[in-house]
Amino acid sequence: MPIEATITLKAKDISGVGRERIRLLQAVAREGSITAGAKAAGLSYKAAWDALDAMTNMFGRPLLETRTGGKAGGGAALTPTGARVIEAFGRLEAEMARVFRSLEPDLAGTGISPINLVSGFFMKTSARNALRGTITDIRSDTLSAEVAVAVSAETTIYALLTSESVRSLGLFVGREVIVLIKAPFVLISPGAEAPLVSARNCVRGTVRRADISAVNAEIVLDIGDDKTLAASITARSAEDMKLSQGDAACALFDAAHVIIAID
């Protein structure tokens, strides 16, 4: 898999400047006008102006100089600052790509790619469960889609998405994704066999840990390949089930409660 690094520059209260806005700046300079540059970049005239204003706010100096006349009803050219911004941005991305490639020998044989590593460092989510896996099946109609994600050799998790989400995320069989499940959405059933319920996901495992407080409890199941799934339940429920380390149990949750994220 080729490594491609992208950068987004941000400042407080100012929208970020990333590759797409730099490409817009390049297109305006190449076409000689904001109207033609916006069209080449696939943006509306207003969206292009908003993006250019954001870049001016970010860098504190105009990146373009405009003039009447010229191609497409009004001319535009890069200022010296604009030219330096484009050059510096390209150098930053190239340097990031070089760093990613330099990590590959150190990660050889670990099953971890540089992309996985960086995602693990920087991804933040409130969901207690974040599991990386590979899409094994997608079944869709005009409105909805069920996506199957293998997160371990023994466990497949199903997510219910809109068909538009599948398209916009670029999901396909074989793609690596991350499934997110909030712990309160997960129900626990003791034993290796789950009861007959409508929940699409029934994940079998063994209790790795049962932490019980005065009101709540967290049950953590080992679901294979050193991966775990956590459920947040009431302390009373945990005490009634009398689960201990090593006991068989099932985690139950709806496919609609599963969120899919991509790197």
Protein backbone atom coordinates (compact mmCIF):
# COMPACT_ATOMS: atom_id res chain seq x y z
CA MET A 1 0.00 0.00 0.00
CA PRO A 2 1.58 3.32 -1.02
CA ILE A 3 1.96 5.84 1.78
CA GLU A 4 0.34 9.21 1.20
CA ALA A 5 0.61 11.94 3.85
CA THR A 6 -1.82 14.82 4.12
CA ILE A 7 -1.57 17.92 6.29
CA THR A 8 -4.16 20.32 7.60
CA LEU A 9 -3.00 23.63 9.06
CA LYS A 10 -5.25 25.13 11.71
CA ALA A 11 -5.44 28.14 13.98
CA LYS A 12 -7.89 29.06 16.71
CA ASP A 13 -11.29 30.15 15.33
CA ILE A 14 -10.04 29.76 11.73
CA SER A 15 -11.08 26.87 9.49
CA GLY A 16 -8.27 24.56 8.44
CA VAL A 17 -6.17 24.82 5.31
CA GLY A 18 -5.45 21.47 3.70
CA ARG A 19 -4.58 19.96 0.35
CA GLU A 20 -7.91 20.79 -1.29
CA ARG A 21 -7.54 24.51 -0.55
CA ILE A 22 -3.95 24.50 -1.74
CA ARG A 23 -5.14 22.86 -4.98
CA LEU A 24 -7.71 25.63 -5.33
CA LEU A 25 -4.97 28.21 -4.94
CA GLN A 26 -2.92 26.43 -7.58
CA ALA A 27 -5.93 26.23 -9.93
CA VAL A 28 -6.68 29.95 -9.60
CA ALA A 29 -3.04 30.77 -10.36
CA ARG A 30 -2.98 28.38 -13.33
CA GLU A 31 -6.31 29.55 -14.82
CA GLY A 32 -5.69 33.21 -14.12
CA SER A 33 -9.05 33.88 -12.46
CA ILE A 34 -11.03 32.87 -9.39
CA THR A 35 -14.07 31.88 -11.47
CA ALA A 36 -12.11 29.51 -13.71
CA GLY A 37 -10.01 28.22 -10.82
CA ALA A 38 -13.13 27.41 -8.77
CA LYS A 39 -14.58 25.49 -11.73
CA ALA A 40 -11.34 23.53 -12.21
CA ALA A 41 -11.32 22.65 -8.51
CA GLY A 42 -14.98 21.57 -8.57
CA LEU A 43 -16.17 24.39 -6.27
CA SER A 44 -18.82 27.07 -6.50
CA TYR A 45 -17.65 30.66 -6.81
CA LYS A 46 -18.82 31.39 -3.23
CA ALA A 47 -17.12 28.29 -1.80
CA ALA A 48 -13.90 29.29 -3.55
CA TRP A 49 -14.02 32.82 -2.13
CA ASP A 50 -14.73 31.43 1.37
CA ALA A 51 -11.72 29.12 1.07
CA LEU A 52 -9.46 31.89 -0.20
CA ASP A 53 -10.59 34.18 2.62
CA ALA A 54 -9.81 31.41 5.15
CA MET A 55 -6.30 31.08 3.74
CA THR A 56 -5.74 34.82 3.94
CA ASN A 57 -6.91 34.77 7.57
CA MET A 58 -4.63 31.83 8.34
CA PHE A 59 -1.45 33.33 6.89
CA GLY A 60 -2.19 36.98 7.64
CA ARG A 61 -1.31 38.20 4.14
CA PRO A 62 -3.06 38.02 0.74
CA LEU A 63 -2.12 34.96 -1.28
CA LEU A 64 -3.65 36.33 -4.48
CA GLU A 65 -3.77 39.68 -6.20
CA THR A 66 -6.84 40.29 -8.32
CA ARG A 67 -7.44 42.70 -11.19
CA THR A 68 -10.28 43.53 -13.55
CA GLY A 69 -10.40 41.97 -16.99
CA GLY A 70 -8.41 38.85 -17.83
CA LYS A 71 -9.58 35.30 -18.45
CA ALA A 72 -13.16 34.42 -17.38
CA GLY A 73 -14.05 37.99 -16.43
CA GLY A 74 -11.38 38.86 -13.87
CA GLY A 75 -7.70 38.17 -13.43
CA ALA A 76 -5.89 36.72 -10.43
CA ALA A 77 -2.25 35.88 -9.79
CA LEU A 78 -0.26 34.54 -6.85
CA THR A 79 1.44 36.99 -4.55
CA PRO A 80 4.98 36.10 -3.40
CA THR A 81 3.38 34.86 -0.15
CA GLY A 82 0.99 32.63 -2.07
CA ALA A 83 3.82 31.07 -4.06
CA ARG A 84 5.82 30.39 -0.88
CA VAL A 85 2.79 28.84 0.84
CA ILE A 86 2.27 26.38 -2.02
CA GLU A 87 5.97 25.46 -2.07
CA ALA A 88 6.17 25.04 1.72
CA PHE A 89 3.00 22.94 1.84
CA GLY A 90 4.37 20.58 -0.81
CA ARG A 91 7.63 20.22 1.11
CA LEU A 92 5.75 19.47 4.37
CA GLU A 93 3.71 16.70 2.73
CA ALA A 94 6.78 15.22 1.08
CA GLU A 95 8.62 15.19 4.42
CA MET A 96 5.69 13.51 6.16
CA ALA A 97 5.58 10.85 3.44
CA ARG A 98 9.33 10.27 3.90
CA VAL A 99 8.84 9.79 7.65
CA PHE A 100 6.02 7.30 7.07
CA ARG A 101 8.14 5.29 4.64
CA SER A 102 11.04 5.25 7.12
CA LEU A 103 8.75 3.56 9.67
CA GLU A 104 7.98 0.59 7.42
CA PRO A 105 11.16 -1.46 8.17
CA ASP A 106 10.58 -1.06 11.93
CA LEU A 107 6.99 -2.31 11.58
CA ALA A 108 7.78 -5.24 9.25
CA GLY A 109 6.25 -8.47 10.53
CA THR A 110 4.09 -6.73 13.16
CA GLY A 111 0.93 -6.54 11.04
CA ILE A 112 0.84 -2.78 11.72
CA SER A 113 1.14 -0.28 8.89
CA PRO A 114 2.34 3.31 9.34
CA ILE A 115 -1.26 4.41 8.70
CA ASN A 116 -2.50 2.13 11.52
CA LEU A 117 0.16 3.52 13.82
CA VAL A 118 -0.66 7.16 13.20
CA SER A 119 -4.40 6.50 13.43
CA GLY A 120 -3.88 4.82 16.79
CA PHE A 121 -1.92 7.81 18.08
CA PHE A 122 -4.29 10.53 16.94
CA MET A 123 -7.78 9.06 16.76
CA LYS A 124 -10.02 10.32 19.57
CA THR A 125 -13.52 8.99 20.24
CA SER A 126 -15.95 8.81 23.14
CA ALA A 127 -16.89 5.24 22.20
CA ARG A 128 -15.47 2.72 24.69
CA ASN A 129 -15.05 0.11 21.96
CA ALA A 130 -12.92 0.89 18.91
CA LEU A 131 -11.95 -2.24 16.96
CA ARG A 132 -10.00 -2.38 13.72
CA GLY A 133 -11.12 -4.96 11.19
CA THR A 134 -11.62 -5.77 7.51
CA ILE A 135 -14.87 -5.55 5.55
CA THR A 136 -15.92 -9.03 4.42
CA ASP A 137 -19.36 -8.31 2.95
CA ILE A 138 -21.65 -5.42 1.98
CA ARG A 139 -25.34 -5.97 1.29
CA SER A 140 -27.26 -2.90 0.20
CA ASP A 141 -30.45 -1.60 -1.37
CA THR A 142 -31.33 1.91 -2.49
CA LEU A 143 -31.47 3.28 1.08
CA SER A 144 -29.63 1.03 3.53
CA ALA A 145 -26.61 -1.22 3.69
CA GLU A 146 -25.37 -3.88 6.09
CA VAL A 147 -21.59 -3.97 6.35
CA ALA A 148 -19.86 -7.01 7.85
CA VAL A 149 -16.47 -6.35 9.48
CA ALA A 150 -14.21 -9.18 10.69
CA VAL A 151 -12.44 -7.88 13.80
CA SER A 152 -10.86 -11.21 14.74
CA ALA A 153 -10.71 -14.76 13.39
CA GLU A 154 -13.76 -15.64 15.50
CA THR A 155 -15.74 -12.40 15.42
CA THR A 156 -17.62 -10.48 12.74
CA ILE A 157 -19.50 -7.30 13.62
CA TYR A 158 -22.39 -6.00 11.52
CA ALA A 159 -23.15 -2.31 11.03
CA LEU A 160 -26.29 -0.81 9.50
CA LEU A 161 -25.50 2.29 7.43
CA THR A 162 -27.18 4.31 4.74
CA SER A 163 -26.17 3.44 1.20
CA GLU A 164 -25.00 7.04 0.82
CA SER A 165 -22.61 6.57 3.77
CA VAL A 166 -21.13 3.50 2.09
CA ARG A 167 -20.50 5.54 -1.06
CA SER A 168 -19.17 8.64 0.68
CA LEU A 169 -16.79 6.64 2.88
CA GLY A 170 -15.58 4.61 -0.11
CA LEU A 171 -16.30 1.28 1.59
CA PHE A 172 -15.59 -1.97 -0.24
CA VAL A 173 -14.88 -5.60 0.60
CA GLY A 174 -11.29 -5.92 1.77
CA ARG A 175 -10.96 -2.39 3.11
CA GLU A 176 -9.69 -1.87 6.65
CA VAL A 177 -12.05 0.13 8.87
CA ILE A 178 -12.63 0.83 12.56
CA VAL A 179 -15.92 -0.10 14.22
CA LEU A 180 -17.07 2.05 17.15
CA ILE A 181 -19.60 0.84 19.74
CA LYS A 182 -20.54 2.71 22.91
CA ALA A 183 -20.40 0.43 25.95
CA PRO A 184 -23.97 1.27 27.19
CA PHE A 185 -25.35 -0.12 23.90
CA VAL A 186 -23.89 -3.56 24.65
CA LEU A 187 -25.98 -6.13 26.55
CA ILE A 188 -24.42 -9.14 28.28
CA SER A 189 -25.87 -12.64 28.41
CA PRO A 190 -24.11 -15.35 30.51
CA GLY A 191 -23.15 -18.59 28.81
CA ALA A 192 -21.81 -19.58 25.42
CA GLU A 193 -25.24 -19.54 23.75
CA ALA A 194 -27.14 -16.28 23.46
CA PRO A 195 -30.92 -16.03 23.90
CA LEU A 196 -33.11 -15.51 20.82
CA VAL A 197 -33.28 -11.74 20.43
CA SER A 198 -33.60 -9.31 17.52
CA ALA A 199 -30.12 -7.81 18.03
CA ARG A 200 -28.08 -8.42 14.84
CA ASN A 201 -24.79 -8.79 16.68
CA CYS A 202 -24.10 -11.66 19.03
CA VAL A 203 -20.42 -11.74 19.94
CA ARG A 204 -19.26 -14.75 21.93
CA GLY A 205 -16.34 -14.46 24.31
CA THR A 206 -15.01 -15.07 27.79
CA VAL A 207 -14.98 -12.64 30.69
CA ARG A 208 -11.58 -11.03 31.03
CA ARG A 209 -12.58 -8.54 33.70
CA ALA A 210 -15.69 -7.55 35.69
CA ASP A 211 -15.33 -4.19 37.46
CA ILE A 212 -18.31 -3.47 39.70
CA SER A 213 -18.93 -0.19 41.56
CA ALA A 214 -21.85 0.87 43.72
CA VAL A 215 -24.08 1.73 40.76
CA ASN A 216 -22.49 0.61 37.50
CA ALA A 217 -20.33 -2.21 36.23
CA GLU A 218 -18.06 -2.76 33.24
CA ILE A 219 -17.84 -6.26 31.82
CA VAL A 220 -14.93 -6.81 29.43
CA LEU A 221 -15.04 -9.84 27.13
CA ASP A 222 -12.09 -11.42 25.33
CA ILE A 223 -13.37 -11.93 21.76
CA GLY A 224 -10.24 -13.45 20.21
CA ASP A 225 -6.94 -12.26 18.75
CA ASP A 226 -6.28 -10.34 22.00
CA LYS A 227 -9.21 -8.03 21.26
CA THR A 228 -11.83 -7.09 23.81
CA LEU A 229 -15.38 -5.76 23.90
CA ALA A 230 -16.67 -3.77 26.89
CA ALA A 231 -20.24 -3.44 28.14
CA SER A 232 -21.52 -0.90 30.67
CA ILE A 233 -24.38 -2.34 32.73
CA THR A 234 -25.88 -1.79 36.16
CA ALA A 235 -24.11 -3.18 39.22
CA ARG A 236 -27.30 -5.06 40.15
CA SER A 237 -27.34 -6.86 36.79
CA ALA A 238 -23.67 -7.78 37.13
CA GLU A 239 -24.22 -9.16 40.64
CA ASP A 240 -27.24 -11.20 39.51
CA MET A 241 -25.26 -12.79 36.67
CA LYS A 242 -22.32 -13.62 38.99
CA LEU A 243 -19.80 -13.41 36.14
CA SER A 244 -16.18 -14.19 36.93
CA GLN A 245 -12.96 -14.17 34.93
CA GLY A 246 -12.96 -16.99 32.39
CA ASP A 247 -16.75 -17.43 32.27
CA ALA A 248 -18.38 -17.70 28.86
CA ALA A 249 -20.67 -14.81 27.92
CA CYS A 250 -22.21 -13.13 24.87
CA ALA A 251 -22.34 -9.46 23.97
CA LEU A 252 -25.52 -8.37 22.17
CA PHE A 253 -26.06 -5.08 20.31
CA ASP A 254 -27.96 -3.72 17.31
CA ALA A 255 -26.27 -3.13 13.98
CA ALA A 256 -27.67 0.42 14.02
CA HIS A 257 -25.54 1.12 17.13
CA VAL A 258 -22.31 0.38 15.26
CA ILE A 259 -20.44 3.29 13.68
CA ILE A 260 -17.82 2.75 11.00
CA ALA A 261 -14.80 5.04 10.76
CA ILE A 262 -12.00 5.10 8.19
CA ASP A 263 -8.37 6.28 8.36
